[in-house]
Amino acid sequence: MRRRASFSSIIPSAVLGFAIAASSAAAGPGFNVGIHLGTTTSSIGGSGSSFVGDYCYPYYRGGYAGGLYWPGTWGVSSGSAPFGTGYVPYGRYGYPASTTFVVSPTRRIIWPPQPAQPVDDTADEIETMSPIEAAWDAMANRAPAVASDLFRLHIEDAPDDLDALRGLAFAMMSNDRLPEGVALLRQVYVEDPRLAARVVDVAHLGGRAAARDTLVAAVRHAHEVGSSSAWFAVAVLMQAEGRDDRAIAMLNRAAAEALEPEIVLAMRAELGR
């Protein structure tokens, strides 16, 4: 059973920033998400909180135009920028100098790399890796909510990394954000149709079982909305599974709904049709 993320204070009051932590009682992809802003309070946005400067991130389907940043609640809301906007300010928030991502009960990723600390044999294993490495690792470990934030952290410094943007799209799709995910996926392929030749590794989708779960949800979504973006996402996921015959059928549905011709041609070339 998938656990709904809950908010909790998980950062000492002396630290300014945010972290994502696994619940001690959670199994698999169950995560508690917490934010702490400021140095004098442990409540979210409560009395004594302080904020740092306006922060922007590249996001193709809107984003909050005001208020706090809440991981896991991406989407279009009133006042949001429209589809197609590149950099969207979403309120007064900023990343701290050090951010800790916990992707399992026993593994933490700290970024940027910190000075070596004395070894404690009883402590959790701590790994140092880049945000993009950590993002793909989180996807492989079926933690798409964590991966989403890590992809965004990487994209802040590499906004033209289309593979990372595609990874963010898959993370969204795997984290019940299908409308945003399929829209971003299409936009990334519009930017470079040659991505069709770089077939997605199902390991980057959490393995075959997780990839199939995402595919089933994507097919259901495509039947509900019938858009070219939705059917194209199904085609890409089927291509990742190696089901080229079915992928071309889904691509044809996307083409019938006015998917960009350059994407259709590139995908057909890779699918052998």
C-alpha atoms as a PDB file:
ATOM      1  CA  MET A   1       0.000   0.000   0.000  1.00  0.00           C
ATOM      2  CA  ARG A   2       1.402   3.407  -0.942  1.00  0.00           C
ATOM      3  CA  ARG A   3       1.789   5.751   2.009  1.00  0.00           C
ATOM      4  CA  ARG A   4       0.772   9.372   1.696  1.00  0.00           C
ATOM      5  CA  ALA A   5       3.589  11.762   2.503  1.00  0.00           C
ATOM      6  CA  SER A   6       3.161  13.597   5.779  1.00  0.00           C
ATOM      7  CA  PHE A   7       4.935  16.712   6.965  1.00  0.00           C
ATOM      8  CA  SER A   8       7.100  16.713  10.057  1.00  0.00           C
ATOM      9  CA  SER A   9       9.891  18.803  11.467  1.00  0.00           C
ATOM     10  CA  ILE A  10      13.086  16.890  10.837  1.00  0.00           C
ATOM     11  CA  ILE A  11      15.837  19.502  10.870  1.00  0.00           C
ATOM     12  CA  PRO A  12      17.386  20.933  14.048  1.00  0.00           C
ATOM     13  CA  SER A  13      16.395  24.536  14.694  1.00  0.00           C
ATOM     14  CA  ALA A  14      19.989  25.642  14.199  1.00  0.00           C
ATOM     15  CA  VAL A  15      19.902  24.564  10.559  1.00  0.00           C
ATOM     16  CA  LEU A  16      18.270  26.486   7.722  1.00  0.00           C
ATOM     17  CA  GLY A  17      17.044  24.225   4.950  1.00  0.00           C
ATOM     18  CA  PHE A  18      14.938  21.218   4.160  1.00  0.00           C
ATOM     19  CA  ALA A  19      15.352  17.473   4.044  1.00  0.00           C
ATOM     20  CA  ILE A  20      13.433  14.417   3.030  1.00  0.00           C
ATOM     21  CA  ALA A  21      13.506  11.552   5.508  1.00  0.00           C
ATOM     22  CA  ALA A  22      12.286   8.002   5.523  1.00  0.00           C
ATOM     23  CA  SER A  23       9.843   7.143   8.258  1.00  0.00           C
ATOM     24  CA  SER A  24      11.285   4.652  10.717  1.00  0.00           C
ATOM     25  CA  ALA A  25       8.102   2.623  10.308  1.00  0.00           C
ATOM     26  CA  ALA A  26       7.950   2.966   6.535  1.00  0.00           C
ATOM     27  CA  ALA A  27       8.675   0.129   4.171  1.00  0.00           C
ATOM     28  CA  GLY A  28       9.716   0.523   0.546  1.00  0.00           C
ATOM     29  CA  PRO A  29       8.696   3.914  -0.849  1.00  0.00           C
ATOM     30  CA  GLY A  30       6.930   5.259   2.254  1.00  0.00           C
ATOM     31  CA  PHE A  31       8.389   8.625   3.163  1.00  0.00           C
ATOM     32  CA  ASN A  32       7.748  11.453   5.560  1.00  0.00           C
ATOM     33  CA  VAL A  33       8.550  14.855   4.126  1.00  0.00           C
ATOM     34  CA  GLY A  34       9.490  17.798   6.280  1.00  0.00           C
ATOM     35  CA  ILE A  35      10.531  21.399   5.821  1.00  0.00           C
ATOM     36  CA  HIS A  36      12.165  23.709   8.315  1.00  0.00           C
ATOM     37  CA  LEU A  37      12.639  27.368   7.473  1.00  0.00           C
ATOM     38  CA  GLY A  38      14.406  29.620   9.923  1.00  0.00           C
ATOM     39  CA  THR A  39      16.505  29.258  13.019  1.00  0.00           C
ATOM     40  CA  THR A  40      14.090  29.887  15.874  1.00  0.00           C
ATOM     41  CA  THR A  41      11.193  27.555  15.260  1.00  0.00           C
ATOM     42  CA  SER A  42      10.533  23.978  14.251  1.00  0.00           C
ATOM     43  CA  SER A  43       7.071  24.616  12.826  1.00  0.00           C
ATOM     44  CA  ILE A  44       6.459  25.008   9.117  1.00  0.00           C
ATOM     45  CA  GLY A  45       5.949  28.677   8.375  1.00  0.00           C
ATOM     46  CA  GLY A  46       5.170  29.291  12.044  1.00  0.00           C
ATOM     47  CA  SER A  47       6.032  32.144  14.332  1.00  0.00           C
ATOM     48  CA  GLY A  48       9.694  33.002  14.146  1.00  0.00           C
ATOM     49  CA  SER A  49      10.290  31.481  10.731  1.00  0.00           C
ATOM     50  CA  SER A  50      12.572  33.347   8.393  1.00  0.00           C
ATOM     51  CA  PHE A  51      12.860  33.090   4.657  1.00  0.00           C
ATOM     52  CA  VAL A  52      15.616  33.513   2.128  1.00  0.00           C
ATOM     53  CA  GLY A  53      15.484  35.146  -1.256  1.00  0.00           C
ATOM     54  CA  ASP A  54      13.207  34.454  -4.176  1.00  0.00           C
ATOM     55  CA  TYR A  55      14.098  31.144  -5.764  1.00  0.00           C
ATOM     56  CA  CYS A  56      13.381  29.937  -9.279  1.00  0.00           C
ATOM     57  CA  TYR A  57      13.603  26.575 -10.978  1.00  0.00           C
ATOM     58  CA  PRO A  58      13.035  25.394 -14.574  1.00  0.00           C
ATOM     59  CA  TYR A  59       9.564  23.924 -14.743  1.00  0.00           C
ATOM     60  CA  TYR A  60       7.479  23.520 -17.858  1.00  0.00           C
ATOM     61  CA  ARG A  61       3.964  23.250 -16.482  1.00  0.00           C
ATOM     62  CA  GLY A  62       3.614  26.145 -14.142  1.00  0.00           C
ATOM     63  CA  GLY A  63       4.392  26.157 -10.493  1.00  0.00           C
ATOM     64  CA  TYR A  64       3.323  28.036  -7.456  1.00  0.00           C
ATOM     65  CA  ALA A  65       3.499  31.778  -8.008  1.00  0.00           C
ATOM     66  CA  GLY A  66       3.528  32.420  -4.268  1.00  0.00           C
ATOM     67  CA  GLY A  67       3.682  30.730  -0.921  1.00  0.00           C
ATOM     68  CA  LEU A  68       6.003  28.056   0.329  1.00  0.00           C
ATOM     69  CA  TYR A  69       7.616  25.211  -1.513  1.00  0.00           C
ATOM     70  CA  TRP A  70       5.932  21.930  -0.569  1.00  0.00           C
ATOM     71  CA  PRO A  71       7.619  18.845  -2.047  1.00  0.00           C
ATOM     72  CA  GLY A  72       5.109  16.451  -3.499  1.00  0.00           C
ATOM     73  CA  THR A  73       2.403  19.023  -4.253  1.00  0.00           C
ATOM     74  CA  TRP A  74       3.511  20.208  -7.679  1.00  0.00           C
ATOM     75  CA  GLY A  75       0.835  21.324 -10.046  1.00  0.00           C
ATOM     76  CA  VAL A  76      -1.003  24.219 -11.556  1.00  0.00           C
ATOM     77  CA  SER A  77      -2.825  26.446  -9.086  1.00  0.00           C
ATOM     78  CA  SER A  78      -4.454  29.831  -9.279  1.00  0.00           C
ATOM     79  CA  GLY A  79      -1.847  32.431 -10.101  1.00  0.00           C
ATOM     80  CA  SER A  80       0.512  29.918 -11.636  1.00  0.00           C
ATOM     81  CA  ALA A  81       2.429  30.584 -14.790  1.00  0.00           C
ATOM     82  CA  PRO A  82       1.025  28.913 -17.908  1.00  0.00           C
ATOM     83  CA  PHE A  83       2.382  25.878 -19.725  1.00  0.00           C
ATOM     84  CA  GLY A  84       5.559  26.632 -21.610  1.00  0.00           C
ATOM     85  CA  THR A  85       7.129  28.977 -19.085  1.00  0.00           C
ATOM     86  CA  GLY A  86      10.758  28.172 -18.477  1.00  0.00           C
ATOM     87  CA  TYR A  87      11.770  29.679 -15.132  1.00  0.00           C
ATOM     88  CA  VAL A  88       9.001  30.155 -12.604  1.00  0.00           C
ATOM     89  CA  PRO A  89       9.448  31.993  -9.293  1.00  0.00           C
ATOM     90  CA  TYR A  90       7.394  30.293  -6.634  1.00  0.00           C
ATOM     91  CA  GLY A  91       7.839  32.243  -3.465  1.00  0.00           C
ATOM     92  CA  ARG A  92      10.492  33.051  -0.943  1.00  0.00           C
ATOM     93  CA  TYR A  93      12.585  29.983  -0.470  1.00  0.00           C
ATOM     94  CA  GLY A  94      16.140  28.868  -1.056  1.00  0.00           C
ATOM     95  CA  TYR A  95      18.291  25.800  -0.741  1.00  0.00           C
ATOM     96  CA  PRO A  96      20.670  25.687   2.211  1.00  0.00           C
ATOM     97  CA  ALA A  97      24.389  25.174   1.947  1.00  0.00           C
ATOM     98  CA  SER A  98      23.883  21.531   2.847  1.00  0.00           C
ATOM     99  CA  THR A  99      20.898  19.364   2.035  1.00  0.00           C
ATOM    100  CA  THR A 100      20.376  15.837   3.322  1.00  0.00           C
ATOM    101  CA  PHE A 101      18.272  13.376   1.356  1.00  0.00           C
ATOM    102  CA  VAL A 102      17.381  10.093   3.043  1.00  0.00           C
ATOM    103  CA  VAL A 103      16.442   7.485   0.453  1.00  0.00           C
ATOM    104  CA  SER A 104      16.079   4.519   2.762  1.00  0.00           C
ATOM    105  CA  PRO A 105      16.029   3.906   6.509  1.00  0.00           C
ATOM    106  CA  THR A 106      19.771   3.202   6.457  1.00  0.00           C
ATOM    107  CA  ARG A 107      21.119   5.363   3.636  1.00  0.00           C
ATOM    108  CA  ARG A 108      21.564   9.113   3.511  1.00  0.00           C
ATOM    109  CA  ILE A 109      22.877  11.278   0.708  1.00  0.00           C
ATOM    110  CA  ILE A 110      24.423  14.577   1.707  1.00  0.00           C
ATOM    111  CA  TRP A 111      25.001  17.206  -0.935  1.00  0.00           C
ATOM    112  CA  PRO A 112      27.238  19.149  -1.439  1.00  0.00           C
ATOM    113  CA  PRO A 113      30.054  16.869  -0.216  1.00  0.00           C
ATOM    114  CA  GLN A 114      30.933  17.580   3.392  1.00  0.00           C
ATOM    115  CA  PRO A 115      34.283  17.206   5.198  1.00  0.00           C
ATOM    116  CA  ALA A 116      34.958  13.687   6.386  1.00  0.00           C
ATOM    117  CA  GLN A 117      33.577  12.914   9.822  1.00  0.00           C
ATOM    118  CA  PRO A 118      34.854  10.379  12.392  1.00  0.00           C
ATOM    119  CA  VAL A 119      33.591   6.899  11.594  1.00  0.00           C
ATOM    120  CA  ASP A 120      30.751   5.659  13.798  1.00  0.00           C
ATOM    121  CA  ASP A 121      30.120   1.960  13.263  1.00  0.00           C
ATOM    122  CA  THR A 122      26.579   2.343  14.587  1.00  0.00           C
ATOM    123  CA  ALA A 123      25.633   5.222  12.299  1.00  0.00           C
ATOM    124  CA  ASP A 124      23.711   4.945   9.072  1.00  0.00           C
ATOM    125  CA  GLU A 125      25.732   4.608   5.906  1.00  0.00           C
ATOM    126  CA  ILE A 126      26.389   8.038   4.402  1.00  0.00           C
ATOM    127  CA  GLU A 127      27.113   8.410   0.708  1.00  0.00           C
ATOM    128  CA  THR A 128      28.378  11.458  -1.113  1.00  0.00           C
ATOM    129  CA  MET A 129      27.284  11.792  -4.707  1.00  0.00           C
ATOM    130  CA  SER A 130      26.132  14.433  -7.123  1.00  0.00           C
ATOM    131  CA  PRO A 131      22.435  15.378  -7.243  1.00  0.00           C
ATOM    132  CA  ILE A 132      21.973  13.731 -10.642  1.00  0.00           C
ATOM    133  CA  GLU A 133      23.618  10.507  -9.451  1.00  0.00           C
ATOM    134  CA  ALA A 134      21.472  10.607  -6.350  1.00  0.00           C
ATOM    135  CA  ALA A 135      18.354  11.296  -8.435  1.00  0.00           C
ATOM    136  CA  TRP A 136      18.824   8.215 -10.602  1.00  0.00           C
ATOM    137  CA  ASP A 137      19.699   6.204  -7.507  1.00  0.00           C
ATOM    138  CA  ALA A 138      16.452   7.309  -5.881  1.00  0.00           C
ATOM    139  CA  MET A 139      14.508   6.321  -9.000  1.00  0.00           C
ATOM    140  CA  ALA A 140      16.178   2.906  -9.004  1.00  0.00           C
ATOM    141  CA  ASN A 141      15.158   2.535  -5.365  1.00  0.00           C
ATOM    142  CA  ARG A 142      11.531   3.452  -6.134  1.00  0.00           C
ATOM    143  CA  ALA A 143      11.634   6.820  -4.402  1.00  0.00           C
ATOM    144  CA  PRO A 144      10.285   9.144  -7.133  1.00  0.00           C
ATOM    145  CA  ALA A 145       9.337  11.940  -4.725  1.00  0.00           C
ATOM    146  CA  VAL A 146      12.939  12.133  -3.530  1.00  0.00           C
ATOM    147  CA  ALA A 147      14.179  11.838  -7.109  1.00  0.00           C
ATOM    148  CA  SER A 148      12.018  14.785  -8.187  1.00  0.00           C
ATOM    149  CA  ASP A 149      13.722  17.117  -5.734  1.00  0.00           C
ATOM    150  CA  LEU A 150      17.174  15.823  -6.615  1.00  0.00           C
ATOM    151  CA  PHE A 151      16.524  16.252 -10.341  1.00  0.00           C
ATOM    152  CA  ARG A 152      15.415  19.826  -9.708  1.00  0.00           C
ATOM    153  CA  LEU A 153      18.516  20.469  -7.638  1.00  0.00           C
ATOM    154  CA  HIS A 154      20.657  19.297 -10.567  1.00  0.00           C
ATOM    155  CA  ILE A 155      18.615  21.177 -13.169  1.00  0.00           C
ATOM    156  CA  GLU A 156      19.157  24.410 -11.270  1.00  0.00           C
ATOM    157  CA  ASP A 157      22.797  24.247 -12.372  1.00  0.00           C
ATOM    158  CA  ALA A 158      22.216  22.417 -15.679  1.00  0.00           C
ATOM    159  CA  PRO A 159      18.935  23.700 -17.162  1.00  0.00           C
ATOM    160  CA  ASP A 160      19.820  22.321 -20.597  1.00  0.00           C
ATOM    161  CA  ASP A 161      20.311  18.731 -19.404  1.00  0.00           C
ATOM    162  CA  LEU A 162      17.438  17.125 -21.286  1.00  0.00           C
ATOM    163  CA  ASP A 163      18.167  13.666 -19.901  1.00  0.00           C
ATOM    164  CA  ALA A 164      17.675  15.069 -16.409  1.00  0.00           C
ATOM    165  CA  LEU A 165      14.486  16.852 -17.458  1.00  0.00           C
ATOM    166  CA  ARG A 166      13.250  13.592 -18.934  1.00  0.00           C
ATOM    167  CA  GLY A 167      14.139  11.888 -15.666  1.00  0.00           C
ATOM    168  CA  LEU A 168      12.128  14.510 -13.796  1.00  0.00           C
ATOM    169  CA  ALA A 169       9.169  13.786 -16.076  1.00  0.00           C
ATOM    170  CA  PHE A 170       9.357  10.078 -15.243  1.00  0.00           C
ATOM    171  CA  ALA A 171       9.701  10.855 -11.538  1.00  0.00           C
ATOM    172  CA  MET A 172       6.536  12.936 -11.701  1.00  0.00           C
ATOM    173  CA  MET A 173       4.690  10.220 -13.583  1.00  0.00           C
ATOM    174  CA  SER A 174       5.805   7.667 -10.999  1.00  0.00           C
ATOM    175  CA  ASN A 175       4.666   9.919  -8.163  1.00  0.00           C
ATOM    176  CA  ASP A 176       1.024  10.401  -9.178  1.00  0.00           C
ATOM    177  CA  ARG A 177       1.747  13.623 -11.114  1.00  0.00           C
ATOM    178  CA  LEU A 178       0.815  12.249 -14.523  1.00  0.00           C
ATOM    179  CA  PRO A 179      -0.591  15.433 -16.133  1.00  0.00           C
ATOM    180  CA  GLU A 180       2.567  17.387 -15.309  1.00  0.00           C
ATOM    181  CA  GLY A 181       4.858  14.487 -16.120  1.00  0.00           C
ATOM    182  CA  VAL A 182       3.483  13.718 -19.571  1.00  0.00           C
ATOM    183  CA  ALA A 183       3.449  17.426 -20.471  1.00  0.00           C
ATOM    184  CA  LEU A 184       7.091  17.802 -19.468  1.00  0.00           C
ATOM    185  CA  LEU A 185       8.058  14.600 -21.308  1.00  0.00           C
ATOM    186  CA  ARG A 186       6.588  15.895 -24.540  1.00  0.00           C
ATOM    187  CA  GLN A 187       8.264  19.283 -24.107  1.00  0.00           C
ATOM    188  CA  VAL A 188      11.654  17.623 -23.637  1.00  0.00           C
ATOM    189  CA  TYR A 189      11.260  15.635 -26.866  1.00  0.00           C
ATOM    190  CA  VAL A 190      10.168  18.811 -28.657  1.00  0.00           C
ATOM    191  CA  GLU A 191      13.474  20.334 -27.589  1.00  0.00           C
ATOM    192  CA  ASP A 192      15.417  17.354 -28.984  1.00  0.00           C
ATOM    193  CA  PRO A 193      13.597  14.554 -30.855  1.00  0.00           C
ATOM    194  CA  ARG A 194      16.893  12.628 -30.930  1.00  0.00           C
ATOM    195  CA  LEU A 195      16.073  11.496 -27.403  1.00  0.00           C
ATOM    196  CA  ALA A 196      14.065   8.793 -29.172  1.00  0.00           C
ATOM    197  CA  ALA A 197      17.380   7.050 -29.846  1.00  0.00           C
ATOM    198  CA  ARG A 198      18.317   7.059 -26.156  1.00  0.00           C
ATOM    199  CA  VAL A 199      15.856   4.463 -24.926  1.00  0.00           C
ATOM    200  CA  VAL A 200      15.029   4.731 -21.249  1.00  0.00           C
ATOM    201  CA  ASP A 201      16.522   2.001 -19.064  1.00  0.00           C
ATOM    202  CA  VAL A 202      13.753   0.389 -17.009  1.00  0.00           C
ATOM    203  CA  ALA A 203      16.217   0.296 -14.103  1.00  0.00           C
ATOM    204  CA  HIS A 204      15.921   4.081 -14.090  1.00  0.00           C
ATOM    205  CA  LEU A 205      12.182   3.643 -13.643  1.00  0.00           C
ATOM    206  CA  GLY A 206      12.598   1.495 -10.552  1.00  0.00           C
ATOM    207  CA  GLY A 207      12.795  -1.857 -12.331  1.00  0.00           C
ATOM    208  CA  ARG A 208      10.300  -3.724 -14.476  1.00  0.00           C
ATOM    209  CA  ALA A 209       7.589  -3.969 -11.835  1.00  0.00           C
ATOM    210  CA  ALA A 210       7.689  -0.249 -11.051  1.00  0.00           C
ATOM    211  CA  ALA A 211       7.885   0.621 -14.754  1.00  0.00           C
ATOM    212  CA  ARG A 212       4.812  -1.504 -15.404  1.00  0.00           C
ATOM    213  CA  ASP A 213       2.934   0.264 -12.578  1.00  0.00           C
ATOM    214  CA  THR A 214       3.757   3.619 -14.154  1.00  0.00           C
ATOM    215  CA  LEU A 215       2.734   2.323 -17.577  1.00  0.00           C
ATOM    216  CA  VAL A 216      -0.625   1.059 -16.307  1.00  0.00           C
ATOM    217  CA  ALA A 217      -1.316   4.448 -14.730  1.00  0.00           C
ATOM    218  CA  ALA A 218      -0.216   6.226 -17.924  1.00  0.00           C
ATOM    219  CA  VAL A 219      -2.518   4.087 -20.091  1.00  0.00           C
ATOM    220  CA  ARG A 220      -5.434   4.827 -17.777  1.00  0.00           C
ATOM    221  CA  HIS A 221      -4.632   8.541 -17.941  1.00  0.00           C
ATOM    222  CA  ALA A 222      -4.359   8.454 -21.743  1.00  0.00           C
ATOM    223  CA  HIS A 223      -7.787   6.851 -22.041  1.00  0.00           C
ATOM    224  CA  GLU A 224      -9.214   9.527 -19.751  1.00  0.00           C
ATOM    225  CA  VAL A 225      -7.771  12.587 -21.493  1.00  0.00           C
ATOM    226  CA  GLY A 226      -6.967  11.312 -25.004  1.00  0.00           C
ATOM    227  CA  SER A 227      -4.210  13.871 -25.563  1.00  0.00           C
ATOM    228  CA  SER A 228      -1.159  13.480 -27.759  1.00  0.00           C
ATOM    229  CA  SER A 229       1.111  14.010 -24.737  1.00  0.00           C
ATOM    230  CA  ALA A 230      -0.592  11.209 -22.820  1.00  0.00           C
ATOM    231  CA  TRP A 231      -0.412   8.681 -25.674  1.00  0.00           C
ATOM    232  CA  PHE A 232       3.179   9.687 -26.418  1.00  0.00           C
ATOM    233  CA  ALA A 233       4.160   8.984 -22.807  1.00  0.00           C
ATOM    234  CA  VAL A 234       2.635   5.510 -23.129  1.00  0.00           C
ATOM    235  CA  ALA A 235       4.656   4.949 -26.314  1.00  0.00           C
ATOM    236  CA  VAL A 236       7.910   5.954 -24.596  1.00  0.00           C
ATOM    237  CA  LEU A 237       7.226   3.650 -21.645  1.00  0.00           C
ATOM    238  CA  MET A 238       6.432   0.738 -23.974  1.00  0.00           C
ATOM    239  CA  GLN A 239       9.620   1.439 -25.903  1.00  0.00           C
ATOM    240  CA  ALA A 240      11.514   1.202 -22.595  1.00  0.00           C
ATOM    241  CA  GLU A 241       9.950  -2.219 -22.015  1.00  0.00           C
ATOM    242  CA  GLY A 242      11.040  -3.364 -25.483  1.00  0.00           C
ATOM    243  CA  ARG A 243       7.463  -3.673 -26.751  1.00  0.00           C
ATOM    244  CA  ASP A 244       8.084  -1.836 -30.002  1.00  0.00           C
ATOM    245  CA  ASP A 245       4.967  -3.115 -31.792  1.00  0.00           C
ATOM    246  CA  ARG A 246       2.699  -1.745 -29.079  1.00  0.00           C
ATOM    247  CA  ALA A 247       4.796   1.411 -28.798  1.00  0.00           C
ATOM    248  CA  ILE A 248       4.256   2.232 -32.483  1.00  0.00           C
ATOM    249  CA  ALA A 249       0.519   1.725 -32.061  1.00  0.00           C
ATOM    250  CA  MET A 250       0.497   4.202 -29.169  1.00  0.00           C
ATOM    251  CA  LEU A 251       2.673   6.587 -31.174  1.00  0.00           C
ATOM    252  CA  ASN A 252       0.126   6.472 -33.993  1.00  0.00           C
ATOM    253  CA  ARG A 253      -2.576   7.479 -31.526  1.00  0.00           C
ATOM    254  CA  ALA A 254      -0.424  10.393 -30.398  1.00  0.00           C
ATOM    255  CA  ALA A 255       0.182  11.392 -34.022  1.00  0.00           C
ATOM    256  CA  ALA A 256      -3.565  11.347 -34.658  1.00  0.00           C
ATOM    257  CA  GLU A 257      -3.902  13.885 -31.826  1.00  0.00           C
ATOM    258  CA  ALA A 258      -1.348  16.222 -33.452  1.00  0.00           C
ATOM    259  CA  LEU A 259       1.910  15.167 -31.814  1.00  0.00           C
ATOM    260  CA  GLU A 260       4.765  17.132 -33.371  1.00  0.00           C
ATOM    261  CA  PRO A 261       5.814  15.503 -36.700  1.00  0.00           C
ATOM    262  CA  GLU A 262       9.512  15.639 -35.849  1.00  0.00           C
ATOM    263  CA  ILE A 263       8.897  13.555 -32.721  1.00  0.00           C
ATOM    264  CA  VAL A 264       6.783  11.075 -34.668  1.00  0.00           C
ATOM    265  CA  LEU A 265       9.465  10.654 -37.346  1.00  0.00           C
ATOM    266  CA  ALA A 266      12.260  10.208 -34.800  1.00  0.00           C
ATOM    267  CA  MET A 267      10.299   7.636 -32.799  1.00  0.00           C
ATOM    268  CA  ARG A 268       9.248   5.696 -35.908  1.00  0.00           C
ATOM    269  CA  ALA A 269      12.871   5.544 -37.042  1.00  0.00           C
ATOM    270  CA  GLU A 270      13.862   3.984 -33.720  1.00  0.00           C
ATOM    271  CA  LEU A 271      10.873   1.642 -33.572  1.00  0.00           C
ATOM    272  CA  GLY A 272      11.588   0.366 -37.080  1.00  0.00           C
ATOM    273  CA  ARG A 273       8.431   1.621 -38.767  1.00  0.00           C
END
